[in-house]
Amino acid sequence: MFADPLPPLPRATVWRLRTTTLRCDRGPLVMGIVNVTPDSFSDGGSYFDTSAAVRHARQLIAQGADLLDIGGESTRPYATPVSRADELRRVMPVIEQLRGETTLPMSIDTSKAAVAREALACGVEVINDVTGLTGDPDMVPLAAETRCGVCAMHMQGTPATMQDHPHYRDVVADIARYLGQRRDALLAAGIDPQRICLDPGIGFGKTHQHNLTLLRQADRFLLLGCPLLVGPSRKGFLAHVLGDKQADRTAATVGVCLALAARGVQVLRVHDVGPVRQALRLFAATGGLDAAAPAADRHA
């Protein structure tokens, strides 16, 4: 067993956003994915049209999403970057229409501060950045200025390179150390600790075995004292475990989400909100969440 790279902190029970606070001590929050892209790995092109994206968002809300994550640039392996103008052209009409229909919190999935700024001005509550808020020097000051929620993810390399040769000395310890450093950098920039969420980045510069190891030991990241967001939805390691690249990955995603709920993970980022929400409801009703004691208690 490796030594924890950072001193343990109390497990987070809330995630403060720009104008609201989400409780995450009663089971995981469910973040619904709205990809306004032609090339995302699972649903690219399905919701590229504004009206289709809005309809999809409405469905996720009806299925019980706690917040929506809206993105206009694919970050799948070897994805082609898009310009700021194209990204804004994709996401802003969706955000504007939804803001007039719902009070459900929205997150902007971007690594560009200019995109985040316009989204926040339109009512978005969270910046969700796959670069850990390191890809644009203006992102951290923007987050501090607007007092929004942030989610800092770990990624080894870039989408263009991350799956070439992923390597770690100890994948859990290495990523925990990185996320702890990002947490501390955000705190030093004046961002409220309760506004910071962390994401180990399943599938972003990891082998299938790396992903499985991170998921088995996800509760170790709770020791960092921030809400933990995990996004296993429909990813390639599921097909690897199933031994079938063509298999529908919905049930497999649900299985992973229940395991993460049992480990105390606070936020699940998924495509299929309905099945995950139903599974979590039954999991809680049958005592499954009783096992989700704080990580510090389970590893004392």
Protein backbone atom coordinates (compact mmCIF):
# COMPACT_ATOMS: atom_id res chain seq x y z
CA MET A 1 0.00 0.00 0.00
CA PHE A 2 1.41 3.37 -1.01
CA ALA A 3 1.60 6.25 1.44
CA ASP A 4 -0.95 9.00 0.89
CA PRO A 5 0.92 11.81 -0.92
CA LEU A 6 -0.86 14.58 1.01
CA PRO A 7 -2.28 14.90 4.53
CA PRO A 8 -5.92 13.77 4.69
CA LEU A 9 -8.68 16.37 5.00
CA PRO A 10 -12.33 15.96 6.04
CA ARG A 11 -14.55 14.59 3.30
CA ALA A 12 -16.38 17.32 1.35
CA THR A 13 -20.13 17.48 1.91
CA VAL A 14 -21.01 20.47 -0.31
CA TRP A 15 -19.96 21.92 -3.65
CA ARG A 16 -20.46 25.69 -3.82
CA LEU A 17 -21.18 27.04 -7.29
CA ARG A 18 -21.49 30.63 -8.47
CA THR A 19 -24.96 31.30 -7.01
CA THR A 20 -26.00 28.02 -5.43
CA THR A 21 -24.66 25.21 -3.25
CA LEU A 22 -25.09 21.51 -3.97
CA ARG A 23 -25.13 18.98 -1.16
CA CYS A 24 -23.13 15.85 -1.86
CA ASP A 25 -23.45 13.95 1.42
CA ARG A 26 -26.62 12.04 0.52
CA GLY A 27 -25.29 10.03 -2.39
CA PRO A 28 -23.72 11.14 -5.66
CA LEU A 29 -24.85 14.09 -7.71
CA VAL A 30 -25.52 13.17 -11.35
CA MET A 31 -24.05 15.47 -14.02
CA GLY A 32 -25.66 15.00 -17.43
CA ILE A 33 -23.48 15.37 -20.54
CA VAL A 34 -24.58 17.62 -23.40
CA ASN A 35 -22.00 17.37 -26.20
CA VAL A 36 -22.65 20.02 -28.87
CA THR A 37 -19.98 18.50 -31.09
CA PRO A 38 -19.72 16.52 -34.34
CA ASP A 39 -16.91 14.27 -33.10
CA SER A 40 -17.24 13.29 -29.43
CA PHE A 41 -16.31 9.65 -28.91
CA SER A 42 -19.78 8.34 -28.02
CA ASP A 43 -22.49 10.72 -29.22
CA GLY A 44 -20.64 13.04 -31.58
CA GLY A 45 -23.08 14.59 -34.03
CA SER A 46 -26.19 13.40 -32.20
CA TYR A 47 -26.82 16.79 -30.59
CA PHE A 48 -24.74 19.09 -32.81
CA ASP A 49 -27.82 21.07 -33.82
CA THR A 50 -28.95 23.58 -31.16
CA SER A 51 -32.52 22.30 -31.07
CA ALA A 52 -31.35 18.68 -30.72
CA ALA A 53 -28.97 19.64 -27.91
CA VAL A 54 -31.71 21.50 -26.07
CA ARG A 55 -34.13 18.59 -26.45
CA HIS A 56 -31.48 16.26 -25.10
CA ALA A 57 -30.82 18.56 -22.15
CA ARG A 58 -34.54 18.63 -21.36
CA GLN A 59 -34.56 14.84 -21.35
CA LEU A 60 -31.62 14.73 -18.95
CA ILE A 61 -33.39 17.18 -16.65
CA ALA A 62 -36.57 15.08 -16.73
CA GLN A 63 -34.51 11.98 -15.93
CA GLY A 64 -33.16 13.56 -12.75
CA ALA A 65 -29.88 15.29 -13.58
CA ASP A 66 -28.55 17.52 -10.79
CA LEU A 67 -26.56 19.67 -13.22
CA LEU A 68 -25.73 19.76 -16.92
CA ASP A 69 -22.25 19.85 -18.46
CA ILE A 70 -22.28 21.56 -21.86
CA GLY A 71 -19.28 21.32 -24.16
CA GLY A 72 -18.48 22.39 -27.70
CA GLU A 73 -15.06 20.80 -28.24
CA SER A 74 -14.40 17.07 -28.23
CA THR A 75 -11.58 15.89 -25.98
CA ARG A 76 -11.60 12.28 -27.18
CA PRO A 77 -8.19 10.81 -28.09
CA TYR A 78 -6.74 12.45 -31.22
CA ALA A 79 -9.58 14.96 -31.45
CA THR A 80 -9.00 18.05 -33.59
CA PRO A 81 -9.00 21.32 -31.59
CA VAL A 82 -11.60 23.94 -32.51
CA SER A 83 -11.36 27.70 -32.49
CA ARG A 84 -12.80 29.91 -29.78
CA ALA A 85 -15.33 31.28 -32.27
CA ASP A 86 -16.52 27.82 -33.29
CA GLU A 87 -16.80 26.67 -29.68
CA LEU A 88 -18.85 29.74 -28.74
CA ARG A 89 -21.04 29.30 -31.81
CA ARG A 90 -21.83 25.77 -30.69
CA VAL A 91 -22.50 26.21 -26.99
CA MET A 92 -23.91 29.69 -26.47
CA PRO A 93 -27.27 29.24 -28.24
CA VAL A 94 -27.82 26.09 -26.16
CA ILE A 95 -26.91 27.80 -22.91
CA GLU A 96 -29.04 30.85 -23.72
CA GLN A 97 -32.12 28.78 -24.50
CA LEU A 98 -31.75 26.53 -21.47
CA ARG A 99 -31.16 29.48 -19.16
CA GLY A 100 -34.61 30.72 -20.12
CA GLU A 101 -36.20 27.36 -19.34
CA THR A 102 -34.55 25.94 -16.22
CA THR A 103 -32.85 26.89 -12.98
CA LEU A 104 -30.80 23.68 -13.00
CA PRO A 105 -27.08 24.53 -12.64
CA MET A 106 -25.03 24.34 -15.81
CA SER A 107 -21.32 23.70 -16.27
CA ILE A 108 -19.21 24.76 -19.25
CA ASP A 109 -16.78 22.06 -20.40
CA THR A 110 -13.96 24.16 -21.85
CA SER A 111 -10.28 25.00 -21.48
CA LYS A 112 -10.66 28.46 -23.05
CA ALA A 113 -11.17 31.37 -20.67
CA ALA A 114 -12.96 33.46 -23.31
CA VAL A 115 -15.55 30.70 -23.77
CA ALA A 116 -15.94 30.28 -20.03
CA ARG A 117 -16.37 34.02 -19.52
CA GLU A 118 -19.27 34.28 -21.99
CA ALA A 119 -20.91 31.16 -20.57
CA LEU A 120 -20.64 32.47 -17.01
CA ALA A 121 -22.10 35.81 -18.09
CA CYS A 122 -25.09 33.88 -19.41
CA GLY A 123 -25.70 32.15 -16.09
CA VAL A 124 -23.43 29.09 -16.12
CA GLU A 125 -22.29 28.10 -12.61
CA VAL A 126 -19.18 25.92 -13.14
CA ILE A 127 -16.00 25.80 -15.21
CA ASN A 128 -15.13 22.17 -15.98
CA ASP A 129 -11.61 22.16 -17.46
CA VAL A 130 -9.84 19.00 -18.66
CA THR A 131 -6.48 20.80 -18.36
CA GLY A 132 -6.94 21.38 -14.63
CA LEU A 133 -7.26 25.14 -15.33
CA THR A 134 -3.69 25.19 -16.68
CA GLY A 135 -4.38 25.41 -20.42
CA ASP A 136 -5.22 29.12 -20.48
CA PRO A 137 -3.44 31.60 -18.16
CA ASP A 138 -6.65 33.63 -17.87
CA MET A 139 -8.76 30.72 -16.55
CA VAL A 140 -7.76 30.76 -12.87
CA PRO A 141 -8.12 34.57 -12.53
CA LEU A 142 -11.53 34.29 -14.21
CA ALA A 143 -12.65 31.61 -11.77
CA ALA A 144 -11.47 33.67 -8.82
CA GLU A 145 -13.09 36.85 -10.15
CA THR A 146 -16.49 35.29 -10.85
CA ARG A 147 -16.56 33.07 -7.74
CA CYS A 148 -17.88 30.16 -9.80
CA GLY A 149 -17.52 26.47 -9.10
CA VAL A 150 -14.56 24.78 -10.76
CA CYS A 151 -13.64 21.23 -11.65
CA ALA A 152 -9.94 20.57 -12.21
CA MET A 153 -9.19 17.34 -14.07
CA HIS A 154 -5.98 15.35 -14.47
CA MET A 155 -4.81 14.58 -18.00
CA GLN A 156 -1.42 13.20 -19.01
CA GLY A 157 -0.48 14.99 -22.23
CA THR A 158 -3.13 16.47 -24.53
CA PRO A 159 -6.06 14.86 -26.37
CA ALA A 160 -3.73 14.57 -29.38
CA THR A 161 -1.05 12.65 -27.42
CA MET A 162 -2.57 11.31 -24.21
CA GLN A 163 -3.15 7.73 -25.36
CA ASP A 164 0.21 7.22 -27.08
CA HIS A 165 2.25 5.92 -24.11
CA PRO A 166 0.56 6.58 -20.74
CA HIS A 167 3.01 5.87 -17.92
CA TYR A 168 2.98 6.35 -14.15
CA ARG A 169 5.19 5.27 -11.31
CA ASP A 170 2.06 4.75 -9.19
CA VAL A 171 -1.08 5.90 -10.98
CA VAL A 172 -3.16 6.64 -7.87
CA ALA A 173 -0.40 8.35 -5.89
CA ASP A 174 0.84 10.33 -8.91
CA ILE A 175 -2.63 11.64 -9.77
CA ALA A 176 -3.51 12.35 -6.14
CA ARG A 177 -0.33 14.40 -5.86
CA TYR A 178 -1.17 16.34 -9.03
CA LEU A 179 -4.74 17.04 -7.92
CA GLY A 180 -3.51 18.16 -4.52
CA GLN A 181 -1.14 20.58 -6.22
CA ARG A 182 -3.93 21.94 -8.41
CA ARG A 183 -6.16 22.34 -5.36
CA ASP A 184 -3.44 24.28 -3.59
CA ALA A 185 -2.79 26.49 -6.62
CA LEU A 186 -6.48 27.34 -6.87
CA LEU A 187 -6.63 28.11 -3.16
CA ALA A 188 -3.57 30.36 -3.49
CA ALA A 189 -5.35 32.23 -6.29
CA GLY A 190 -8.19 33.07 -3.92
CA ILE A 191 -10.73 30.44 -4.94
CA ASP A 192 -12.93 29.30 -2.05
CA PRO A 193 -12.05 25.70 -1.09
CA GLN A 194 -15.72 24.69 -1.19
CA ARG A 195 -15.92 25.76 -4.84
CA ILE A 196 -13.20 23.30 -5.95
CA CYS A 197 -14.04 19.87 -7.38
CA LEU A 198 -11.38 17.41 -8.57
CA ASP A 199 -11.47 14.76 -11.32
CA PRO A 200 -8.88 11.96 -11.82
CA GLY A 201 -9.60 11.97 -15.56
CA ILE A 202 -10.69 8.44 -16.43
CA GLY A 203 -9.54 7.72 -19.98
CA PHE A 204 -7.37 10.84 -20.28
CA GLY A 205 -3.84 9.52 -20.63
CA LYS A 206 -4.52 6.18 -18.94
CA THR A 207 -4.43 2.56 -20.01
CA HIS A 208 -7.40 0.29 -19.32
CA GLN A 209 -5.58 -1.03 -16.24
CA HIS A 210 -4.84 2.49 -15.02
CA ASN A 211 -8.55 3.30 -15.27
CA LEU A 212 -9.56 0.21 -13.32
CA THR A 213 -7.00 0.89 -10.61
CA LEU A 214 -8.21 4.48 -10.24
CA LEU A 215 -11.82 3.35 -9.98
CA ARG A 216 -11.04 0.65 -7.41
CA GLN A 217 -9.24 3.19 -5.25
CA ALA A 218 -11.37 6.25 -6.01
CA ASP A 219 -12.01 6.84 -2.32
CA ARG A 220 -8.34 7.71 -1.83
CA PHE A 221 -8.97 10.99 -3.66
CA LEU A 222 -11.63 11.94 -1.10
CA LEU A 223 -8.76 12.55 1.30
CA LEU A 224 -7.99 15.72 -0.67
CA GLY A 225 -11.03 17.33 0.97
CA CYS A 226 -12.81 18.38 -2.25
CA PRO A 227 -15.80 16.83 -4.02
CA LEU A 228 -14.62 14.17 -6.45
CA LEU A 229 -16.10 14.00 -9.95
CA VAL A 230 -15.63 10.80 -11.95
CA GLY A 231 -16.66 10.28 -15.57
CA PRO A 232 -16.65 6.58 -16.54
CA SER A 233 -19.58 6.87 -18.95
CA ARG A 234 -19.41 4.67 -22.08
CA LYS A 235 -15.59 4.70 -22.08
CA GLY A 236 -13.35 2.20 -23.78
CA PHE A 237 -12.22 0.33 -20.67
CA LEU A 238 -15.81 -0.89 -20.25
CA ALA A 239 -15.70 -2.65 -23.61
CA HIS A 240 -12.27 -4.01 -22.71
CA VAL A 241 -13.60 -5.61 -19.53
CA LEU A 242 -16.69 -6.92 -21.34
CA GLY A 243 -14.56 -8.30 -24.17
CA ASP A 244 -16.88 -6.79 -26.76
CA LYS A 245 -16.15 -3.46 -28.46
CA GLN A 246 -19.64 -3.38 -29.97
CA ALA A 247 -21.55 -3.95 -26.71
CA ASP A 248 -23.95 -1.32 -25.45
CA ARG A 249 -22.13 0.27 -22.52
CA THR A 250 -25.10 1.62 -20.56
CA ALA A 251 -25.37 -1.26 -18.09
CA ALA A 252 -21.60 -1.34 -17.69
CA THR A 253 -21.60 2.38 -16.90
CA VAL A 254 -24.33 1.85 -14.30
CA GLY A 255 -22.29 -0.89 -12.65
CA VAL A 256 -19.26 1.37 -12.32
CA CYS A 257 -21.40 4.23 -11.00
CA LEU A 258 -22.79 2.02 -8.22
CA ALA A 259 -19.27 0.99 -7.25
CA LEU A 260 -18.26 4.65 -7.13
CA ALA A 261 -21.33 5.52 -5.06
CA ALA A 262 -20.34 2.84 -2.55
CA ARG A 263 -16.89 4.43 -2.32
CA GLY A 264 -18.37 7.85 -1.53
CA VAL A 265 -17.69 9.62 -4.84
CA GLN A 266 -19.71 12.84 -4.87
CA VAL A 267 -20.33 13.57 -8.58
CA LEU A 268 -20.92 11.17 -11.49
CA ARG A 269 -20.63 12.57 -15.03
CA VAL A 270 -22.71 10.42 -17.38
CA HIS A 271 -24.51 10.32 -20.71
CA ASP A 272 -27.38 8.10 -19.53
CA VAL A 273 -28.86 9.97 -16.58
CA GLY A 274 -32.09 7.96 -16.37
CA PRO A 275 -30.60 4.47 -15.83
CA VAL A 276 -27.95 5.81 -13.44
CA ARG A 277 -30.49 7.79 -11.41
CA GLN A 278 -32.82 4.78 -11.16
CA ALA A 279 -29.98 2.51 -10.10
CA LEU A 280 -28.81 4.98 -7.45
CA ARG A 281 -32.34 5.30 -6.08
CA LEU A 282 -32.63 1.55 -5.61
CA PHE A 283 -29.08 1.32 -4.34
CA ALA A 284 -29.93 3.82 -1.61
CA ALA A 285 -33.31 2.22 -0.84
CA THR A 286 -31.66 -1.15 -0.24
CA GLY A 287 -28.89 0.17 1.99
CA GLY A 288 -26.08 0.45 -0.53
CA LEU A 289 -25.12 3.97 0.45
CA ASP A 290 -24.72 2.91 4.08
CA ALA A 291 -21.34 1.51 3.02
CA ALA A 292 -20.14 4.88 1.77
CA ALA A 293 -18.30 5.93 4.93
CA PRO A 294 -15.71 8.69 4.63
CA ALA A 295 -12.46 7.45 3.14
CA ALA A 296 -10.50 8.57 6.18
CA ASP A 297 -12.68 6.30 8.33
CA ARG A 298 -12.31 3.31 6.05
CA HIS A 299 -8.53 3.64 5.80
CA ALA A 300 -7.73 4.61 9.37
